[in-house]
Amino acid sequence: MPWFAKLMYRALLWKERQRARRDGGATATRGRPAHLILGERGETLAYWFLRQAGYIVVARNRRGRAGEVDMVARDGPVLAFVEVKTRTSEEAGPPESAVTRAQQKRIAKAAREHMRKMKRRPAAYRFDIVSVFCDASAGLQVRLTKDAFKG
């Protein structure tokens, strides 16, 4: 399966680079705001990035009373709760800096809620951030920060 994930990730990279050259990023379609479309594209790219990196994604957009976790994935024996941040410019800093302390608390609370519902709890868990930076001039960059914060 890793070869398929690598193929999909490379195809998505190519597609996003073509889109960035053509129109400079997300455009609003069918009445949906551009930032929501960009976020969905970033999450899809992050999903395939994690898959080709060896993660097994077990849930996407996991919602609970405490909040939402973008992805829940296994990285070997470790359960990773992944937050995805997508940006088109670094005016406000790198994408991973957008995960505020309040968001970290919300993600940790949602993660605890998710683990309470599991039949077998993981031996270890952590919080990762995938940063997707889309820029027509700099290209497309995806970064993974493992153990980005403590819950």
C-alpha atoms as a PDB file:
ATOM      1  CA  MET A   1       0.000   0.000   0.000  1.00  0.00           C
ATOM      2  CA  PRO A   2       2.819   2.539   0.582  1.00  0.00           C
ATOM      3  CA  TRP A   3       3.551   2.671  -3.156  1.00  0.00           C
ATOM      4  CA  PHE A   4      -0.074   3.667  -3.804  1.00  0.00           C
ATOM      5  CA  ALA A   5       0.068   6.355  -1.100  1.00  0.00           C
ATOM      6  CA  LYS A   6       3.299   7.730  -2.596  1.00  0.00           C
ATOM      7  CA  LEU A   7       1.719   7.795  -6.047  1.00  0.00           C
ATOM      8  CA  MET A   8      -1.384   9.599  -4.756  1.00  0.00           C
ATOM      9  CA  TYR A   9       0.687  12.104  -2.780  1.00  0.00           C
ATOM     10  CA  ARG A  10       2.843  12.933  -5.810  1.00  0.00           C
ATOM     11  CA  ALA A  11      -0.238  13.283  -8.014  1.00  0.00           C
ATOM     12  CA  LEU A  12      -1.846  15.670  -5.522  1.00  0.00           C
ATOM     13  CA  LEU A  13       1.365  17.694  -5.260  1.00  0.00           C
ATOM     14  CA  TRP A  14       1.453  18.033  -9.031  1.00  0.00           C
ATOM     15  CA  LYS A  15      -2.224  19.032  -9.158  1.00  0.00           C
ATOM     16  CA  GLU A  16      -1.840  21.631  -6.398  1.00  0.00           C
ATOM     17  CA  ARG A  17       1.270  23.124  -8.031  1.00  0.00           C
ATOM     18  CA  GLN A  18      -0.619  23.469 -11.303  1.00  0.00           C
ATOM     19  CA  ARG A  19      -3.551  25.093  -9.497  1.00  0.00           C
ATOM     20  CA  ALA A  20      -1.229  27.509  -7.653  1.00  0.00           C
ATOM     21  CA  ARG A  21       0.449  28.556 -10.905  1.00  0.00           C
ATOM     22  CA  ARG A  22      -2.905  28.983 -12.628  1.00  0.00           C
ATOM     23  CA  ASP A  23      -4.907  30.919 -10.057  1.00  0.00           C
ATOM     24  CA  GLY A  24      -2.669  31.502  -7.040  1.00  0.00           C
ATOM     25  CA  GLY A  25      -4.534  29.200  -4.658  1.00  0.00           C
ATOM     26  CA  ALA A  26      -8.109  28.649  -3.617  1.00  0.00           C
ATOM     27  CA  THR A  27     -11.029  30.393  -5.215  1.00  0.00           C
ATOM     28  CA  ALA A  28     -14.554  30.523  -3.873  1.00  0.00           C
ATOM     29  CA  THR A  29     -16.917  28.187  -5.710  1.00  0.00           C
ATOM     30  CA  ARG A  30     -20.627  27.566  -5.355  1.00  0.00           C
ATOM     31  CA  GLY A  31     -20.925  30.129  -2.589  1.00  0.00           C
ATOM     32  CA  ARG A  32     -18.339  28.459  -0.341  1.00  0.00           C
ATOM     33  CA  PRO A  33     -15.599  30.658   1.117  1.00  0.00           C
ATOM     34  CA  ALA A  34     -12.091  30.225  -0.299  1.00  0.00           C
ATOM     35  CA  HIS A  35     -10.529  29.480   3.106  1.00  0.00           C
ATOM     36  CA  LEU A  36     -12.804  26.445   3.628  1.00  0.00           C
ATOM     37  CA  ILE A  37     -11.929  25.058   0.206  1.00  0.00           C
ATOM     38  CA  LEU A  38      -8.231  25.645   0.878  1.00  0.00           C
ATOM     39  CA  GLY A  39      -8.538  23.889   4.249  1.00  0.00           C
ATOM     40  CA  GLU A  40     -10.167  20.826   2.676  1.00  0.00           C
ATOM     41  CA  ARG A  41      -7.476  20.654   0.011  1.00  0.00           C
ATOM     42  CA  GLY A  42      -4.795  20.955   2.697  1.00  0.00           C
ATOM     43  CA  GLU A  43      -6.347  18.152   4.757  1.00  0.00           C
ATOM     44  CA  THR A  44      -6.495  15.864   1.725  1.00  0.00           C
ATOM     45  CA  LEU A  45      -2.856  16.583   0.932  1.00  0.00           C
ATOM     46  CA  ALA A  46      -1.909  16.031   4.599  1.00  0.00           C
ATOM     47  CA  TYR A  47      -3.786  12.707   4.599  1.00  0.00           C
ATOM     48  CA  TRP A  48      -1.769  11.359   1.673  1.00  0.00           C
ATOM     49  CA  PHE A  49       1.438  12.852   3.079  1.00  0.00           C
ATOM     50  CA  LEU A  50       0.909  10.928   6.318  1.00  0.00           C
ATOM     51  CA  ARG A  51      -0.017   7.746   4.460  1.00  0.00           C
ATOM     52  CA  GLN A  52       3.154   7.838   2.363  1.00  0.00           C
ATOM     53  CA  ALA A  53       5.132   8.520   5.558  1.00  0.00           C
ATOM     54  CA  GLY A  54       3.866   5.234   7.008  1.00  0.00           C
ATOM     55  CA  TYR A  55       0.989   6.443   9.190  1.00  0.00           C
ATOM     56  CA  ILE A  56      -2.268   4.500   9.265  1.00  0.00           C
ATOM     57  CA  VAL A  57      -5.094   7.037   9.400  1.00  0.00           C
ATOM     58  CA  VAL A  58      -7.961   5.654  11.475  1.00  0.00           C
ATOM     59  CA  ALA A  59     -10.256   8.711  11.540  1.00  0.00           C
ATOM     60  CA  ARG A  60     -10.646  12.051   9.805  1.00  0.00           C
ATOM     61  CA  ASN A  61     -12.517  15.080  11.162  1.00  0.00           C
ATOM     62  CA  ARG A  62     -13.394  13.275  14.377  1.00  0.00           C
ATOM     63  CA  ARG A  63     -16.043  15.360  16.121  1.00  0.00           C
ATOM     64  CA  GLY A  64     -17.156  15.069  19.692  1.00  0.00           C
ATOM     65  CA  ARG A  65     -18.617  17.254  22.407  1.00  0.00           C
ATOM     66  CA  ALA A  66     -15.159  18.552  23.272  1.00  0.00           C
ATOM     67  CA  GLY A  67     -14.290  19.597  19.721  1.00  0.00           C
ATOM     68  CA  GLU A  68     -12.778  18.242  16.542  1.00  0.00           C
ATOM     69  CA  VAL A  69      -9.539  16.474  15.715  1.00  0.00           C
ATOM     70  CA  ASP A  70      -8.523  16.722  12.060  1.00  0.00           C
ATOM     71  CA  MET A  71      -6.982  13.239  11.931  1.00  0.00           C
ATOM     72  CA  VAL A  72      -6.324  10.321  14.236  1.00  0.00           C
ATOM     73  CA  ALA A  73      -3.531   8.077  12.977  1.00  0.00           C
ATOM     74  CA  ARG A  74      -1.223   5.303  14.090  1.00  0.00           C
ATOM     75  CA  ASP A  75       2.507   5.809  13.718  1.00  0.00           C
ATOM     76  CA  GLY A  76       3.680   2.363  14.689  1.00  0.00           C
ATOM     77  CA  PRO A  77       2.560   1.743  18.286  1.00  0.00           C
ATOM     78  CA  VAL A  78       1.834   5.448  18.912  1.00  0.00           C
ATOM     79  CA  LEU A  79      -1.582   7.007  18.385  1.00  0.00           C
ATOM     80  CA  ALA A  80      -1.166  10.475  16.865  1.00  0.00           C
ATOM     81  CA  PHE A  81      -3.791  13.207  17.006  1.00  0.00           C
ATOM     82  CA  VAL A  82      -3.012  15.403  14.017  1.00  0.00           C
ATOM     83  CA  GLU A  83      -3.967  19.042  13.499  1.00  0.00           C
ATOM     84  CA  VAL A  84      -3.660  20.330   9.919  1.00  0.00           C
ATOM     85  CA  LYS A  85      -2.974  23.996   9.182  1.00  0.00           C
ATOM     86  CA  THR A  86      -2.987  25.321   5.611  1.00  0.00           C
ATOM     87  CA  ARG A  87      -1.814  28.785   4.602  1.00  0.00           C
ATOM     88  CA  THR A  88      -1.132  30.718   1.386  1.00  0.00           C
ATOM     89  CA  SER A  89       1.153  33.336   2.917  1.00  0.00           C
ATOM     90  CA  GLU A  90       3.437  33.607   5.913  1.00  0.00           C
ATOM     91  CA  GLU A  91       2.327  37.115   6.887  1.00  0.00           C
ATOM     92  CA  ALA A  92       0.959  35.758  10.161  1.00  0.00           C
ATOM     93  CA  GLY A  93       3.892  33.396  10.643  1.00  0.00           C
ATOM     94  CA  PRO A  94       4.325  29.728   9.782  1.00  0.00           C
ATOM     95  CA  PRO A  95       1.157  27.604   9.702  1.00  0.00           C
ATOM     96  CA  GLU A  96       2.087  25.590  12.802  1.00  0.00           C
ATOM     97  CA  SER A  97       2.238  28.779  14.887  1.00  0.00           C
ATOM     98  CA  ALA A  98      -1.512  29.186  14.296  1.00  0.00           C
ATOM     99  CA  VAL A  99      -2.224  26.401  16.804  1.00  0.00           C
ATOM    100  CA  THR A 100      -2.815  28.539  19.876  1.00  0.00           C
ATOM    101  CA  ARG A 101      -2.730  27.344  23.468  1.00  0.00           C
ATOM    102  CA  ALA A 102      -6.547  27.430  23.536  1.00  0.00           C
ATOM    103  CA  GLN A 103      -6.676  25.221  20.435  1.00  0.00           C
ATOM    104  CA  GLN A 104      -4.150  22.860  21.984  1.00  0.00           C
ATOM    105  CA  LYS A 105      -6.381  22.477  25.052  1.00  0.00           C
ATOM    106  CA  ARG A 106      -9.440  21.864  22.841  1.00  0.00           C
ATOM    107  CA  ILE A 107      -7.584  19.240  20.767  1.00  0.00           C
ATOM    108  CA  ALA A 108      -6.283  17.512  23.921  1.00  0.00           C
ATOM    109  CA  LYS A 109      -9.783  17.430  25.399  1.00  0.00           C
ATOM    110  CA  ALA A 110     -11.200  15.967  22.170  1.00  0.00           C
ATOM    111  CA  ALA A 111      -8.376  13.400  22.123  1.00  0.00           C
ATOM    112  CA  ARG A 112      -9.146  12.296  25.685  1.00  0.00           C
ATOM    113  CA  GLU A 113     -12.815  11.959  24.743  1.00  0.00           C
ATOM    114  CA  HIS A 114     -11.846   9.847  21.709  1.00  0.00           C
ATOM    115  CA  MET A 115      -9.598   7.580  23.813  1.00  0.00           C
ATOM    116  CA  ARG A 116     -12.341   7.052  26.432  1.00  0.00           C
ATOM    117  CA  LYS A 117     -14.514   5.559  23.677  1.00  0.00           C
ATOM    118  CA  MET A 118     -11.805   3.160  22.485  1.00  0.00           C
ATOM    119  CA  LYS A 119     -11.996  -0.488  23.522  1.00  0.00           C
ATOM    120  CA  ARG A 120      -8.205  -0.758  23.865  1.00  0.00           C
ATOM    121  CA  ARG A 121      -6.341   2.335  24.874  1.00  0.00           C
ATOM    122  CA  PRO A 122      -3.004   3.004  23.196  1.00  0.00           C
ATOM    123  CA  ALA A 123       0.210   2.590  25.152  1.00  0.00           C
ATOM    124  CA  ALA A 124       1.378   6.004  23.967  1.00  0.00           C
ATOM    125  CA  TYR A 125      -0.136   8.986  22.188  1.00  0.00           C
ATOM    126  CA  ARG A 126       1.056  12.365  20.978  1.00  0.00           C
ATOM    127  CA  PHE A 127      -0.067  15.501  19.177  1.00  0.00           C
ATOM    128  CA  ASP A 128       1.330  16.233  15.714  1.00  0.00           C
ATOM    129  CA  ILE A 129       0.876  19.194  13.377  1.00  0.00           C
ATOM    130  CA  VAL A 130       0.983  19.012   9.596  1.00  0.00           C
ATOM    131  CA  SER A 131       1.663  22.395   7.993  1.00  0.00           C
ATOM    132  CA  VAL A 132       0.682  22.908   4.375  1.00  0.00           C
ATOM    133  CA  PHE A 133       1.996  26.072   2.755  1.00  0.00           C
ATOM    134  CA  CYS A 134       0.683  26.886  -0.735  1.00  0.00           C
ATOM    135  CA  ASP A 135       2.428  29.698  -2.577  1.00  0.00           C
ATOM    136  CA  ALA A 136       2.651  30.272  -6.331  1.00  0.00           C
ATOM    137  CA  SER A 137       6.244  31.548  -6.128  1.00  0.00           C
ATOM    138  CA  ALA A 138       7.676  29.250  -3.410  1.00  0.00           C
ATOM    139  CA  GLY A 139       5.731  26.165  -4.439  1.00  0.00           C
ATOM    140  CA  LEU A 140       4.000  23.732  -2.159  1.00  0.00           C
ATOM    141  CA  GLN A 141       5.543  22.697   1.146  1.00  0.00           C
ATOM    142  CA  VAL A 142       4.272  20.115   3.617  1.00  0.00           C
ATOM    143  CA  ARG A 143       5.922  19.798   7.036  1.00  0.00           C
ATOM    144  CA  LEU A 144       5.242  17.345   9.821  1.00  0.00           C
ATOM    145  CA  THR A 145       5.975  18.332  13.397  1.00  0.00           C
ATOM    146  CA  LYS A 146       5.832  15.258  15.618  1.00  0.00           C
ATOM    147  CA  ASP A 147       5.019  15.737  19.301  1.00  0.00           C
ATOM    148  CA  ALA A 148       4.270  19.401  18.637  1.00  0.00           C
ATOM    149  CA  PHE A 149       2.690  20.037  22.032  1.00  0.00           C
ATOM    150  CA  LYS A 150       1.735  18.283  25.234  1.00  0.00           C
ATOM    151  CA  GLY A 151      -1.873  17.616  26.116  1.00  0.00           C
END
